[in-house]
């Protein structure tokens, strides 16, 4: 069993590795086996749009790491802590996949990633402090909104960018599964004002990360 200090040190190390891009996927990228840009080249406008959208998705995964780390730290039960840590490890795949795709597109992560991470970590701490069922409900709502957001990206990604589309499609399926697990574990529905506030915060992040 890790002490609270050990968990804090581990969380700080995780934050540094997330922000430094020192992460490795446990699963192969869904883009493997899909025709690359050299076979199906993107024009400059399509490449720029794909890069911007994948940067937003990368930011979302940076935030996911912060949220799950904070909620694991504040979990009141060992079972919930373990569930949050497993979900965080699975989300690392998304982080690595989107990072790799940004490199392929000649794009870059958001310059504001440290700010996004810090903000998401604070929100995760607050959700965790409100109790395990609220924390799980926060996961449900977050993942439902992310799934909706990714569905929107599937519509906006250039049709020729099959590699990015394969990644986003798998991410969407994983987010749905995480939401279902949190709901089945006892997550409660959050009040409407809280859900609105989450949507507003996500909107600020996505609009800003699309450019910066």
N, C-alpha and C. Protein backbone atom coordinates (compact mmCIF):
# COMPACT_ATOMS: atom_id res chain seq x y z
N UNK A 1 0.84 -1.20 0.00
CA UNK A 1 0.00 0.00 0.00
C UNK A 1 0.88 1.25 0.00
N UNK A 2 0.59 2.17 -0.88
CA UNK A 2 1.33 3.42 -0.94
C UNK A 2 0.81 4.39 0.11
N UNK A 3 1.72 5.13 0.74
CA UNK A 3 1.31 6.17 1.67
C UNK A 3 0.83 7.37 0.87
N UNK A 4 0.20 8.33 1.56
CA UNK A 4 -0.27 9.53 0.88
C UNK A 4 0.91 10.29 0.24
N UNK A 5 2.04 10.33 0.96
CA UNK A 5 3.21 11.01 0.41
C UNK A 5 3.69 10.30 -0.87
N UNK A 6 3.70 8.97 -0.82
CA UNK A 6 4.11 8.21 -2.01
C UNK A 6 3.20 8.52 -3.19
N UNK A 7 1.89 8.61 -2.91
CA UNK A 7 0.94 8.88 -3.99
C UNK A 7 1.13 10.29 -4.53
N UNK A 8 1.46 11.24 -3.66
CA UNK A 8 1.70 12.61 -4.11
C UNK A 8 2.94 12.68 -5.01
N UNK A 9 3.99 11.97 -4.60
CA UNK A 9 5.22 11.95 -5.40
C UNK A 9 4.96 11.29 -6.75
N UNK A 10 4.21 10.19 -6.72
CA UNK A 10 3.87 9.49 -7.96
C UNK A 10 3.04 10.38 -8.88
N UNK A 11 2.11 11.13 -8.29
CA UNK A 11 1.26 12.02 -9.08
C UNK A 11 2.08 13.15 -9.71
N UNK A 12 3.03 13.69 -8.95
CA UNK A 12 3.89 14.75 -9.48
C UNK A 12 4.75 14.22 -10.63
N UNK A 13 5.27 13.01 -10.46
CA UNK A 13 6.07 12.39 -11.52
C UNK A 13 5.23 12.17 -12.77
N UNK A 14 3.99 11.74 -12.56
CA UNK A 14 3.07 11.49 -13.68
C UNK A 14 2.79 12.80 -14.42
N UNK A 15 2.61 13.88 -13.68
CA UNK A 15 2.35 15.18 -14.31
C UNK A 15 3.53 15.61 -15.17
N UNK A 16 4.74 15.44 -14.66
CA UNK A 16 5.92 15.84 -15.42
C UNK A 16 6.05 15.02 -16.70
N UNK A 17 5.81 13.72 -16.61
CA UNK A 17 5.92 12.87 -17.79
C UNK A 17 4.83 13.20 -18.81
N UNK A 18 3.64 13.53 -18.31
CA UNK A 18 2.55 13.89 -19.22
C UNK A 18 2.88 15.15 -19.98
N UNK A 19 3.35 16.17 -19.27
CA UNK A 19 3.62 17.45 -19.90
C UNK A 19 4.89 17.42 -20.77
N UNK A 20 5.80 16.51 -20.46
CA UNK A 20 7.02 16.39 -21.25
C UNK A 20 6.83 15.50 -22.47
N UNK A 21 5.68 14.84 -22.55
CA UNK A 21 5.43 13.95 -23.68
C UNK A 21 6.14 12.62 -23.55
N UNK A 22 6.59 12.27 -22.34
CA UNK A 22 7.32 11.02 -22.12
C UNK A 22 6.35 9.91 -21.75
N UNK A 23 5.42 9.61 -22.67
CA UNK A 23 4.42 8.58 -22.43
C UNK A 23 4.46 7.57 -23.57
N UNK A 24 4.07 6.35 -23.25
CA UNK A 24 4.09 5.28 -24.25
C UNK A 24 2.79 4.50 -24.17
N UNK A 25 2.19 4.25 -25.31
CA UNK A 25 0.92 3.53 -25.36
C UNK A 25 1.12 2.06 -25.05
N UNK A 26 0.14 1.48 -24.38
CA UNK A 26 0.17 0.05 -24.12
C UNK A 26 -0.47 -0.75 -25.23
N UNK A 27 -1.25 -0.06 -26.07
CA UNK A 27 -1.91 -0.71 -27.22
C UNK A 27 -1.38 -0.09 -28.50
N UNK A 28 -1.36 -0.85 -29.59
CA UNK A 28 -0.97 -0.26 -30.88
C UNK A 28 -1.93 0.85 -31.27
N UNK A 29 -1.42 1.84 -31.98
CA UNK A 29 -2.28 2.91 -32.45
C UNK A 29 -3.30 2.38 -33.46
N UNK A 30 -4.55 2.83 -33.37
CA UNK A 30 -5.55 2.44 -34.37
C UNK A 30 -5.16 2.87 -35.78
N UNK A 31 -4.21 3.80 -35.88
CA UNK A 31 -3.78 4.27 -37.21
C UNK A 31 -2.85 3.28 -37.89
N UNK A 32 -2.32 2.30 -37.12
CA UNK A 32 -1.44 1.32 -37.73
C UNK A 32 -2.21 0.52 -38.77
N UNK A 33 -1.62 0.34 -39.93
CA UNK A 33 -2.28 -0.40 -40.99
C UNK A 33 -3.18 0.45 -41.85
N UNK A 34 -3.39 1.71 -41.44
CA UNK A 34 -4.19 2.64 -42.24
C UNK A 34 -3.24 3.42 -43.15
N UNK A 35 -3.65 3.63 -44.38
CA UNK A 35 -2.79 4.32 -45.35
C UNK A 35 -2.29 5.64 -44.79
N UNK A 36 -0.99 5.88 -44.91
CA UNK A 36 -0.40 7.10 -44.39
C UNK A 36 -0.59 8.27 -45.32
N UNK A 37 -0.11 9.43 -44.88
CA UNK A 37 -0.28 10.66 -45.66
C UNK A 37 0.52 10.63 -46.96
N UNK A 38 1.55 9.76 -47.02
CA UNK A 38 2.31 9.66 -48.25
C UNK A 38 1.51 8.93 -49.34
N UNK A 39 0.57 8.07 -48.91
CA UNK A 39 -0.28 7.35 -49.85
C UNK A 39 -1.52 8.17 -50.19
N UNK A 40 -2.09 8.79 -49.14
CA UNK A 40 -3.29 9.63 -49.32
C UNK A 40 -2.97 11.03 -48.82
N UNK A 41 -2.23 11.82 -49.61
CA UNK A 41 -1.74 13.11 -49.13
C UNK A 41 -2.87 14.10 -48.84
N UNK A 42 -2.63 14.91 -47.80
CA UNK A 42 -3.57 15.96 -47.44
C UNK A 42 -3.06 17.29 -47.99
N UNK A 43 -3.97 18.13 -48.46
CA UNK A 43 -3.53 19.45 -48.89
C UNK A 43 -3.25 20.29 -47.64
N UNK A 44 -2.71 21.47 -47.83
CA UNK A 44 -2.27 22.28 -46.70
C UNK A 44 -3.42 22.62 -45.76
N UNK A 45 -4.58 22.98 -46.32
CA UNK A 45 -5.72 23.34 -45.48
C UNK A 45 -6.20 22.16 -44.66
N UNK A 46 -6.28 20.99 -45.29
CA UNK A 46 -6.74 19.79 -44.59
C UNK A 46 -5.75 19.40 -43.50
N UNK A 47 -4.45 19.48 -43.80
CA UNK A 47 -3.43 19.15 -42.81
C UNK A 47 -3.50 20.10 -41.61
N UNK A 48 -3.71 21.39 -41.87
CA UNK A 48 -3.79 22.37 -40.79
C UNK A 48 -5.02 22.11 -39.93
N UNK A 49 -6.15 21.78 -40.55
CA UNK A 49 -7.36 21.52 -39.79
C UNK A 49 -7.23 20.24 -38.97
N UNK A 50 -6.67 19.20 -39.55
CA UNK A 50 -6.45 17.96 -38.80
C UNK A 50 -5.51 18.21 -37.62
N UNK A 51 -4.45 18.98 -37.86
CA UNK A 51 -3.51 19.27 -36.78
C UNK A 51 -4.17 20.02 -35.64
N UNK A 52 -5.02 21.00 -35.97
CA UNK A 52 -5.70 21.77 -34.94
C UNK A 52 -6.66 20.89 -34.14
N UNK A 53 -7.40 20.03 -34.83
CA UNK A 53 -8.35 19.16 -34.15
C UNK A 53 -7.64 18.13 -33.28
N UNK A 54 -6.55 17.57 -33.77
CA UNK A 54 -5.82 16.60 -32.96
C UNK A 54 -5.11 17.26 -31.80
N UNK A 55 -4.75 18.55 -31.94
CA UNK A 55 -4.19 19.28 -30.80
C UNK A 55 -5.24 19.42 -29.70
N UNK A 56 -6.47 19.72 -30.09
CA UNK A 56 -7.56 19.81 -29.11
C UNK A 56 -7.75 18.46 -28.42
N UNK A 57 -7.71 17.38 -29.20
CA UNK A 57 -7.87 16.05 -28.60
C UNK A 57 -6.71 15.71 -27.67
N UNK A 58 -5.51 16.14 -28.03
CA UNK A 58 -4.35 15.92 -27.17
C UNK A 58 -4.52 16.67 -25.85
N UNK A 59 -5.00 17.90 -25.92
CA UNK A 59 -5.27 18.67 -24.70
C UNK A 59 -6.28 17.93 -23.83
N UNK A 60 -7.31 17.39 -24.46
CA UNK A 60 -8.31 16.64 -23.70
C UNK A 60 -7.69 15.48 -22.94
N UNK A 61 -6.71 14.83 -23.54
CA UNK A 61 -6.05 13.71 -22.87
C UNK A 61 -5.10 14.17 -21.78
N UNK A 62 -4.48 15.32 -21.96
CA UNK A 62 -3.68 15.92 -20.88
C UNK A 62 -4.58 16.19 -19.68
N UNK A 63 -5.74 16.76 -19.94
CA UNK A 63 -6.70 17.04 -18.87
C UNK A 63 -7.20 15.75 -18.22
N UNK A 64 -7.41 14.71 -19.04
CA UNK A 64 -7.89 13.44 -18.49
C UNK A 64 -6.88 12.88 -17.50
N UNK A 65 -5.59 12.97 -17.82
CA UNK A 65 -4.58 12.49 -16.88
C UNK A 65 -4.64 13.26 -15.57
N UNK A 66 -4.79 14.58 -15.66
CA UNK A 66 -4.86 15.40 -14.45
C UNK A 66 -6.10 15.05 -13.62
N UNK A 67 -7.23 14.91 -14.28
CA UNK A 67 -8.48 14.60 -13.57
C UNK A 67 -8.38 13.26 -12.85
N UNK A 68 -7.94 12.25 -13.56
CA UNK A 68 -7.89 10.91 -12.95
C UNK A 68 -6.85 10.85 -11.83
N UNK A 69 -5.73 11.53 -12.00
CA UNK A 69 -4.73 11.53 -10.94
C UNK A 69 -5.28 12.21 -9.68
N UNK A 70 -5.95 13.34 -9.86
CA UNK A 70 -6.50 14.06 -8.71
C UNK A 70 -7.61 13.26 -8.05
N UNK A 71 -8.46 12.64 -8.84
CA UNK A 71 -9.56 11.87 -8.26
C UNK A 71 -9.06 10.60 -7.57
N UNK A 72 -7.97 10.03 -8.08
CA UNK A 72 -7.38 8.88 -7.40
C UNK A 72 -6.81 9.30 -6.05
N UNK A 73 -6.19 10.48 -5.99
CA UNK A 73 -5.62 10.97 -4.74
C UNK A 73 -6.68 11.20 -3.67
N UNK A 74 -7.87 11.64 -4.08
CA UNK A 74 -8.91 12.00 -3.12
C UNK A 74 -9.95 10.91 -2.93
N UNK A 75 -9.79 9.77 -3.62
CA UNK A 75 -10.76 8.68 -3.49
C UNK A 75 -10.80 8.18 -2.05
N UNK A 76 -12.00 7.88 -1.59
CA UNK A 76 -12.17 7.42 -0.21
C UNK A 76 -12.10 5.91 -0.09
N UNK A 77 -12.20 5.21 -1.19
CA UNK A 77 -12.12 3.75 -1.16
C UNK A 77 -10.99 3.28 -2.06
N UNK A 78 -10.37 2.17 -1.68
CA UNK A 78 -9.29 1.61 -2.48
C UNK A 78 -9.81 1.16 -3.84
N UNK A 79 -11.06 0.67 -3.86
CA UNK A 79 -11.64 0.19 -5.13
C UNK A 79 -11.76 1.33 -6.13
N UNK A 80 -12.24 2.49 -5.66
CA UNK A 80 -12.37 3.63 -6.57
C UNK A 80 -11.01 4.13 -7.01
N UNK A 81 -10.07 4.16 -6.09
CA UNK A 81 -8.71 4.61 -6.44
C UNK A 81 -8.14 3.71 -7.54
N UNK A 82 -8.33 2.41 -7.40
CA UNK A 82 -7.83 1.49 -8.40
C UNK A 82 -8.53 1.70 -9.74
N UNK A 83 -9.82 1.97 -9.71
CA UNK A 83 -10.57 2.19 -10.95
C UNK A 83 -10.06 3.44 -11.67
N UNK A 84 -9.80 4.50 -10.91
CA UNK A 84 -9.30 5.73 -11.50
C UNK A 84 -7.90 5.52 -12.10
N UNK A 85 -7.08 4.76 -11.42
CA UNK A 85 -5.72 4.54 -11.90
C UNK A 85 -5.71 3.69 -13.18
N UNK A 86 -6.63 2.70 -13.24
CA UNK A 86 -6.73 1.89 -14.46
C UNK A 86 -7.20 2.74 -15.63
N UNK A 87 -8.21 3.58 -15.39
CA UNK A 87 -8.71 4.46 -16.45
C UNK A 87 -7.62 5.41 -16.93
N UNK A 88 -6.83 5.93 -15.99
CA UNK A 88 -5.74 6.84 -16.36
C UNK A 88 -4.73 6.14 -17.25
N UNK A 89 -4.42 4.88 -16.94
CA UNK A 89 -3.46 4.14 -17.77
C UNK A 89 -4.02 3.93 -19.17
N UNK A 90 -5.32 3.66 -19.27
CA UNK A 90 -5.91 3.47 -20.59
C UNK A 90 -5.92 4.78 -21.38
N UNK A 91 -6.13 5.89 -20.67
CA UNK A 91 -6.13 7.19 -21.35
C UNK A 91 -4.73 7.58 -21.83
N UNK A 92 -3.69 6.98 -21.24
CA UNK A 92 -2.34 7.24 -21.72
C UNK A 92 -2.20 6.82 -23.17
N UNK A 93 -2.91 5.74 -23.55
CA UNK A 93 -2.89 5.33 -24.95
C UNK A 93 -3.36 6.48 -25.84
N UNK A 94 -4.46 7.12 -25.45
CA UNK A 94 -4.99 8.24 -26.23
C UNK A 94 -3.98 9.37 -26.32
N UNK A 95 -3.33 9.64 -25.19
CA UNK A 95 -2.35 10.72 -25.15
C UNK A 95 -1.20 10.43 -26.12
N UNK A 96 -0.70 9.20 -26.08
CA UNK A 96 0.41 8.83 -26.96
C UNK A 96 -0.02 8.81 -28.42
N UNK A 97 -1.21 8.30 -28.70
CA UNK A 97 -1.69 8.24 -30.09
C UNK A 97 -1.84 9.65 -30.68
N UNK A 98 -2.46 10.55 -29.92
CA UNK A 98 -2.66 11.90 -30.45
C UNK A 98 -1.33 12.63 -30.58
N UNK A 99 -0.41 12.39 -29.67
CA UNK A 99 0.91 13.01 -29.75
C UNK A 99 1.64 12.54 -31.00
N UNK A 100 1.58 11.24 -31.27
CA UNK A 100 2.22 10.69 -32.47
C UNK A 100 1.59 11.27 -33.73
N UNK A 101 0.26 11.40 -33.74
CA UNK A 101 -0.41 11.92 -34.92
C UNK A 101 -0.07 13.39 -35.15
N UNK A 102 0.07 14.16 -34.08
CA UNK A 102 0.49 15.55 -34.23
C UNK A 102 1.86 15.62 -34.90
N UNK A 103 2.76 14.75 -34.48
CA UNK A 103 4.10 14.73 -35.09
C UNK A 103 4.00 14.42 -36.58
N UNK A 104 3.16 13.45 -36.93
CA UNK A 104 3.02 13.07 -38.33
C UNK A 104 2.46 14.21 -39.17
N UNK A 105 1.58 14.99 -38.57
CA UNK A 105 0.94 16.10 -39.29
C UNK A 105 1.81 17.35 -39.32
N UNK A 106 2.95 17.30 -38.63
CA UNK A 106 3.81 18.47 -38.56
C UNK A 106 3.24 19.55 -37.69
N UNK A 107 2.40 19.15 -36.74
CA UNK A 107 1.78 20.12 -35.83
C UNK A 107 2.41 19.97 -34.45
N UNK A 108 1.86 20.65 -33.47
CA UNK A 108 2.45 20.66 -32.13
C UNK A 108 1.34 20.62 -31.07
N UNK A 109 1.71 20.22 -29.85
CA UNK A 109 0.76 20.28 -28.74
C UNK A 109 0.45 21.73 -28.38
N UNK A 110 -0.57 21.92 -27.58
CA UNK A 110 -0.92 23.26 -27.11
C UNK A 110 0.20 23.83 -26.24
N UNK A 111 0.48 25.10 -26.44
CA UNK A 111 1.49 25.77 -25.62
C UNK A 111 1.00 25.98 -24.18
N UNK A 112 -0.30 25.82 -23.98
CA UNK A 112 -0.89 26.06 -22.67
C UNK A 112 -1.13 24.77 -21.88
N UNK A 113 -0.50 23.68 -22.28
CA UNK A 113 -0.74 22.40 -21.60
C UNK A 113 -0.51 22.44 -20.09
N UNK A 114 0.53 23.13 -19.59
CA UNK A 114 0.68 23.20 -18.13
C UNK A 114 -0.53 23.86 -17.46
N UNK A 115 -1.09 24.88 -18.09
CA UNK A 115 -2.27 25.54 -17.54
C UNK A 115 -3.47 24.60 -17.56
N UNK A 116 -3.66 23.89 -18.69
CA UNK A 116 -4.79 22.95 -18.78
C UNK A 116 -4.65 21.86 -17.71
N UNK A 117 -3.44 21.36 -17.52
CA UNK A 117 -3.23 20.29 -16.55
C UNK A 117 -3.55 20.79 -15.13
N UNK A 118 -3.03 21.96 -14.79
CA UNK A 118 -3.26 22.49 -13.45
C UNK A 118 -4.74 22.74 -13.19
N UNK A 119 -5.43 23.31 -14.17
CA UNK A 119 -6.85 23.56 -13.98
C UNK A 119 -7.64 22.29 -13.82
N UNK A 120 -7.36 21.29 -14.65
CA UNK A 120 -8.08 20.02 -14.58
C UNK A 120 -7.77 19.30 -13.26
N UNK A 121 -6.53 19.40 -12.80
CA UNK A 121 -6.16 18.76 -11.54
C UNK A 121 -6.97 19.37 -10.38
N UNK A 122 -7.09 20.70 -10.39
CA UNK A 122 -7.88 21.36 -9.35
C UNK A 122 -9.33 20.93 -9.38
N UNK A 123 -9.90 20.82 -10.57
CA UNK A 123 -11.30 20.38 -10.69
C UNK A 123 -11.45 18.95 -10.20
N UNK A 124 -10.47 18.10 -10.54
CA UNK A 124 -10.51 16.72 -10.08
C UNK A 124 -10.43 16.61 -8.57
N UNK A 125 -9.60 17.44 -7.95
CA UNK A 125 -9.53 17.45 -6.48
C UNK A 125 -10.87 17.83 -5.87
N UNK A 126 -11.52 18.85 -6.44
CA UNK A 126 -12.81 19.28 -5.93
C UNK A 126 -13.85 18.17 -6.06
N UNK A 127 -13.89 17.53 -7.22
CA UNK A 127 -14.85 16.45 -7.43
C UNK A 127 -14.62 15.31 -6.44
N UNK A 128 -13.35 14.98 -6.22
CA UNK A 128 -13.03 13.91 -5.30
C UNK A 128 -13.40 14.24 -3.87
N UNK A 129 -13.23 15.50 -3.48
CA UNK A 129 -13.54 15.93 -2.11
C UNK A 129 -15.04 15.85 -1.82
N UNK A 130 -15.85 15.86 -2.86
CA UNK A 130 -17.30 15.82 -2.68
C UNK A 130 -17.83 14.40 -2.48
N UNK A 131 -16.95 13.42 -2.51
CA UNK A 131 -17.36 12.05 -2.24
C UNK A 131 -17.23 11.16 -3.47
N UNK A 132 -17.15 9.85 -3.22
CA UNK A 132 -16.89 8.91 -4.30
C UNK A 132 -18.00 8.87 -5.34
N UNK A 133 -19.25 8.94 -4.92
CA UNK A 133 -20.34 8.86 -5.89
C UNK A 133 -20.39 10.11 -6.77
N UNK A 134 -20.09 11.25 -6.18
CA UNK A 134 -20.02 12.48 -6.96
C UNK A 134 -18.83 12.41 -7.92
N UNK A 135 -17.70 11.90 -7.42
CA UNK A 135 -16.51 11.77 -8.25
C UNK A 135 -16.78 10.87 -9.45
N UNK A 136 -17.48 9.76 -9.21
CA UNK A 136 -17.84 8.86 -10.30
C UNK A 136 -18.83 9.53 -11.25
N UNK A 137 -19.77 10.30 -10.70
CA UNK A 137 -20.71 11.02 -11.53
C UNK A 137 -20.02 12.04 -12.40
N UNK A 138 -18.98 12.64 -11.87
CA UNK A 138 -18.18 13.59 -12.65
C UNK A 138 -17.51 12.88 -13.82
N UNK A 139 -17.00 11.66 -13.58
CA UNK A 139 -16.39 10.88 -14.66
C UNK A 139 -17.43 10.57 -15.74
N UNK A 140 -18.62 10.16 -15.30
CA UNK A 140 -19.68 9.85 -16.27
C UNK A 140 -19.96 11.05 -17.16
N UNK A 141 -20.19 12.21 -16.54
CA UNK A 141 -20.54 13.41 -17.31
C UNK A 141 -19.37 13.85 -18.20
N UNK A 142 -18.16 13.79 -17.65
CA UNK A 142 -16.99 14.18 -18.44
C UNK A 142 -16.85 13.30 -19.67
N UNK A 143 -16.93 11.99 -19.46
CA UNK A 143 -16.73 11.07 -20.58
C UNK A 143 -17.86 11.17 -21.60
N UNK A 144 -19.09 11.43 -21.14
CA UNK A 144 -20.20 11.60 -22.08
C UNK A 144 -19.97 12.84 -22.94
N UNK A 145 -19.50 13.91 -22.31
CA UNK A 145 -19.24 15.13 -23.08
C UNK A 145 -18.07 14.94 -24.04
N UNK A 146 -17.05 14.22 -23.61
CA UNK A 146 -15.91 13.96 -24.48
C UNK A 146 -16.34 13.10 -25.67
N UNK A 147 -17.17 12.09 -25.40
CA UNK A 147 -17.66 11.26 -26.49
C UNK A 147 -18.42 12.09 -27.53
N UNK A 148 -19.26 13.00 -27.04
CA UNK A 148 -20.00 13.89 -27.94
C UNK A 148 -19.04 14.79 -28.73
N UNK A 149 -18.05 15.30 -28.04
CA UNK A 149 -17.05 16.16 -28.68
C UNK A 149 -16.29 15.41 -29.78
N UNK A 150 -15.92 14.15 -29.50
CA UNK A 150 -15.20 13.36 -30.49
C UNK A 150 -16.08 13.02 -31.69
N UNK A 151 -17.36 12.82 -31.43
CA UNK A 151 -18.28 12.58 -32.55
C UNK A 151 -18.32 13.79 -33.46
N UNK A 152 -18.27 14.99 -32.88
CA UNK A 152 -18.22 16.20 -33.67
C UNK A 152 -16.94 16.29 -34.49
N UNK A 153 -15.84 15.83 -33.92
CA UNK A 153 -14.57 15.85 -34.64
C UNK A 153 -14.58 14.87 -35.81
N UNK A 154 -15.28 13.76 -35.65
CA UNK A 154 -15.39 12.80 -36.75
C UNK A 154 -16.06 13.44 -37.95
N UNK A 155 -16.96 14.37 -37.68
CA UNK A 155 -17.63 15.07 -38.78
C UNK A 155 -16.74 16.16 -39.39
N UNK A 156 -15.83 16.73 -38.59
CA UNK A 156 -15.01 17.84 -39.05
C UNK A 156 -13.68 17.41 -39.66
N UNK A 157 -13.17 16.25 -39.27
CA UNK A 157 -11.89 15.80 -39.81
C UNK A 157 -12.01 15.57 -41.32
N UNK A 158 -11.01 15.98 -42.08
CA UNK A 158 -11.04 15.72 -43.53
C UNK A 158 -11.25 14.24 -43.81
N UNK A 159 -12.08 13.94 -44.80
CA UNK A 159 -12.37 12.54 -45.15
C UNK A 159 -11.09 11.79 -45.52
N UNK A 160 -10.14 12.49 -46.12
CA UNK A 160 -8.89 11.84 -46.55
C UNK A 160 -7.97 11.50 -45.39
N UNK A 161 -8.21 12.10 -44.22
CA UNK A 161 -7.33 11.85 -43.07
C UNK A 161 -7.82 10.62 -42.31
N UNK A 162 -7.61 9.48 -42.90
CA UNK A 162 -8.12 8.24 -42.32
C UNK A 162 -7.35 7.83 -41.07
N UNK A 163 -6.10 8.24 -40.95
CA UNK A 163 -5.33 7.88 -39.76
C UNK A 163 -5.87 8.60 -38.51
N UNK A 164 -6.12 9.89 -38.63
CA UNK A 164 -6.70 10.62 -37.50
C UNK A 164 -8.10 10.11 -37.17
N UNK A 165 -8.87 9.80 -38.18
CA UNK A 165 -10.24 9.33 -37.97
C UNK A 165 -10.25 7.98 -37.25
N UNK A 166 -9.29 7.11 -37.57
CA UNK A 166 -9.21 5.82 -36.89
C UNK A 166 -8.90 6.00 -35.40
N UNK A 167 -8.01 6.94 -35.10
CA UNK A 167 -7.66 7.21 -33.70
C UNK A 167 -8.86 7.76 -32.95
N UNK A 168 -9.51 8.75 -33.51
CA UNK A 168 -10.63 9.40 -32.84
C UNK A 168 -11.78 8.40 -32.63
N UNK A 169 -12.02 7.54 -33.60
CA UNK A 169 -13.10 6.56 -33.47
C UNK A 169 -12.84 5.61 -32.30
N UNK A 170 -11.59 5.14 -32.14
CA UNK A 170 -11.27 4.26 -31.02
C UNK A 170 -11.34 5.00 -29.70
N UNK A 171 -10.89 6.25 -29.67
CA UNK A 171 -10.99 7.04 -28.46
C UNK A 171 -12.44 7.19 -28.03
N UNK A 172 -13.32 7.43 -28.98
CA UNK A 172 -14.74 7.60 -28.68
C UNK A 172 -15.32 6.34 -28.03
N UNK A 173 -14.95 5.18 -28.55
CA UNK A 173 -15.43 3.93 -27.99
C UNK A 173 -14.90 3.73 -26.56
N UNK A 174 -13.63 4.08 -26.34
CA UNK A 174 -13.05 3.94 -25.00
C UNK A 174 -13.72 4.87 -24.00
N UNK A 175 -14.02 6.11 -24.41
CA UNK A 175 -14.64 7.06 -23.49
C UNK A 175 -16.04 6.58 -23.09
N UNK A 176 -16.76 6.00 -24.05
CA UNK A 176 -18.08 5.47 -23.74
C UNK A 176 -17.98 4.35 -22.70
N UNK A 177 -16.97 3.50 -22.84
CA UNK A 177 -16.78 2.40 -21.90
C UNK A 177 -16.41 2.93 -20.51
N UNK A 178 -15.58 3.94 -20.44
CA UNK A 178 -15.21 4.52 -19.14
C UNK A 178 -16.44 5.12 -18.45
N UNK A 179 -17.29 5.79 -19.21
CA UNK A 179 -18.51 6.36 -18.64
C UNK A 179 -19.41 5.26 -18.11
N UNK A 180 -19.56 4.18 -18.86
CA UNK A 180 -20.42 3.07 -18.43
C UNK A 180 -19.88 2.44 -17.16
N UNK A 181 -18.57 2.27 -17.06
CA UNK A 181 -17.97 1.68 -15.86
C UNK A 181 -18.22 2.57 -14.64
N UNK A 182 -18.06 3.87 -14.81
CA UNK A 182 -18.27 4.79 -13.69
C UNK A 182 -19.73 4.81 -13.26
N UNK A 183 -20.64 4.74 -14.22
CA UNK A 183 -22.06 4.70 -13.90
C UNK A 183 -22.41 3.42 -13.16
N UNK A 184 -21.90 2.31 -13.63
CA UNK A 184 -22.18 1.02 -12.98
C UNK A 184 -21.56 0.93 -11.60
N UNK A 185 -20.51 1.71 -11.36
CA UNK A 185 -19.84 1.69 -10.06
C UNK A 185 -20.56 2.57 -9.04
N UNK A 186 -21.61 3.28 -9.46
CA UNK A 186 -22.39 4.08 -8.52
C UNK A 186 -22.37 5.57 -8.74
N UNK A 187 -21.90 6.00 -9.90
CA UNK A 187 -21.87 7.44 -10.18
C UNK A 187 -23.27 8.03 -10.23
N UNK A 188 -23.43 9.22 -9.66
CA UNK A 188 -24.73 9.89 -9.64
C UNK A 188 -24.77 10.97 -10.71
N UNK A 189 -25.97 11.33 -11.12
CA UNK A 189 -26.12 12.39 -12.11
C UNK A 189 -25.83 13.74 -11.45
N UNK A 190 -25.00 14.52 -12.08
CA UNK A 190 -24.66 15.83 -11.53
C UNK A 190 -25.79 16.82 -11.77
N UNK A 191 -25.92 17.84 -10.92
CA UNK A 191 -26.94 18.87 -11.13
C UNK A 191 -26.73 19.58 -12.47
N UNK A 192 -27.82 20.05 -13.04
CA UNK A 192 -27.76 20.70 -14.35
C UNK A 192 -26.78 21.87 -14.38
N UNK A 193 -26.75 22.76 -13.38
CA UNK A 193 -25.78 23.86 -13.41
C UNK A 193 -24.33 23.37 -13.49
N UNK A 194 -24.04 22.27 -12.81
CA UNK A 194 -22.68 21.72 -12.86
C UNK A 194 -22.36 21.22 -14.26
N UNK A 195 -23.33 20.58 -14.90
CA UNK A 195 -23.10 20.07 -16.26
C UNK A 195 -22.92 21.23 -17.23
N UNK A 196 -23.69 22.30 -17.04
CA UNK A 196 -23.53 23.49 -17.90
C UNK A 196 -22.14 24.10 -17.72
N UNK A 197 -21.71 24.20 -16.45
CA UNK A 197 -20.39 24.79 -16.17
C UNK A 197 -19.29 23.96 -16.82
N UNK A 198 -19.43 22.63 -16.78
CA UNK A 198 -18.43 21.76 -17.40
C UNK A 198 -18.39 21.98 -18.91
N UNK A 199 -19.55 22.14 -19.52
CA UNK A 199 -19.61 22.38 -20.96
C UNK A 199 -18.97 23.73 -21.31
N UNK A 200 -19.23 24.74 -20.49
CA UNK A 200 -18.66 26.06 -20.75
C UNK A 200 -17.14 26.03 -20.64
N UNK A 201 -16.64 25.35 -19.60
CA UNK A 201 -15.19 25.26 -19.43
C UNK A 201 -14.55 24.50 -20.59
N UNK A 202 -15.21 23.42 -21.02
CA UNK A 202 -14.69 22.64 -22.14
C UNK A 202 -14.68 23.47 -23.42
N UNK A 203 -15.70 24.31 -23.58
CA UNK A 203 -15.77 25.15 -24.78
C UNK A 203 -14.61 26.13 -24.82
N UNK A 204 -14.29 26.75 -23.70
CA UNK A 204 -13.15 27.68 -23.63
C UNK A 204 -11.86 26.95 -23.99
N UNK A 205 -11.70 25.76 -23.44
CA UNK A 205 -10.49 25.00 -23.69
C UNK A 205 -10.37 24.63 -25.18
N UNK A 206 -11.44 24.12 -25.77
CA UNK A 206 -11.35 23.64 -27.15
C UNK A 206 -11.12 24.79 -28.14
N UNK A 207 -11.79 25.92 -27.91
CA UNK A 207 -11.61 27.07 -28.80
C UNK A 207 -10.19 27.59 -28.71
N UNK A 208 -9.65 27.67 -27.49
CA UNK A 208 -8.31 28.20 -27.31
C UNK A 208 -7.25 27.23 -27.85
N UNK A 209 -7.41 25.93 -27.52
CA UNK A 209 -6.42 24.95 -27.94
C UNK A 209 -6.40 24.75 -29.45
N UNK A 210 -7.49 25.06 -30.10
CA UNK A 210 -7.54 24.94 -31.57
C UNK A 210 -6.50 25.85 -32.21
N UNK A 211 -6.17 26.95 -31.52
CA UNK A 211 -5.25 27.93 -32.08
C UNK A 211 -3.90 27.98 -31.37
N UNK A 212 -3.91 27.76 -30.07
CA UNK A 212 -2.69 27.96 -29.28
C UNK A 212 -2.19 26.63 -28.71
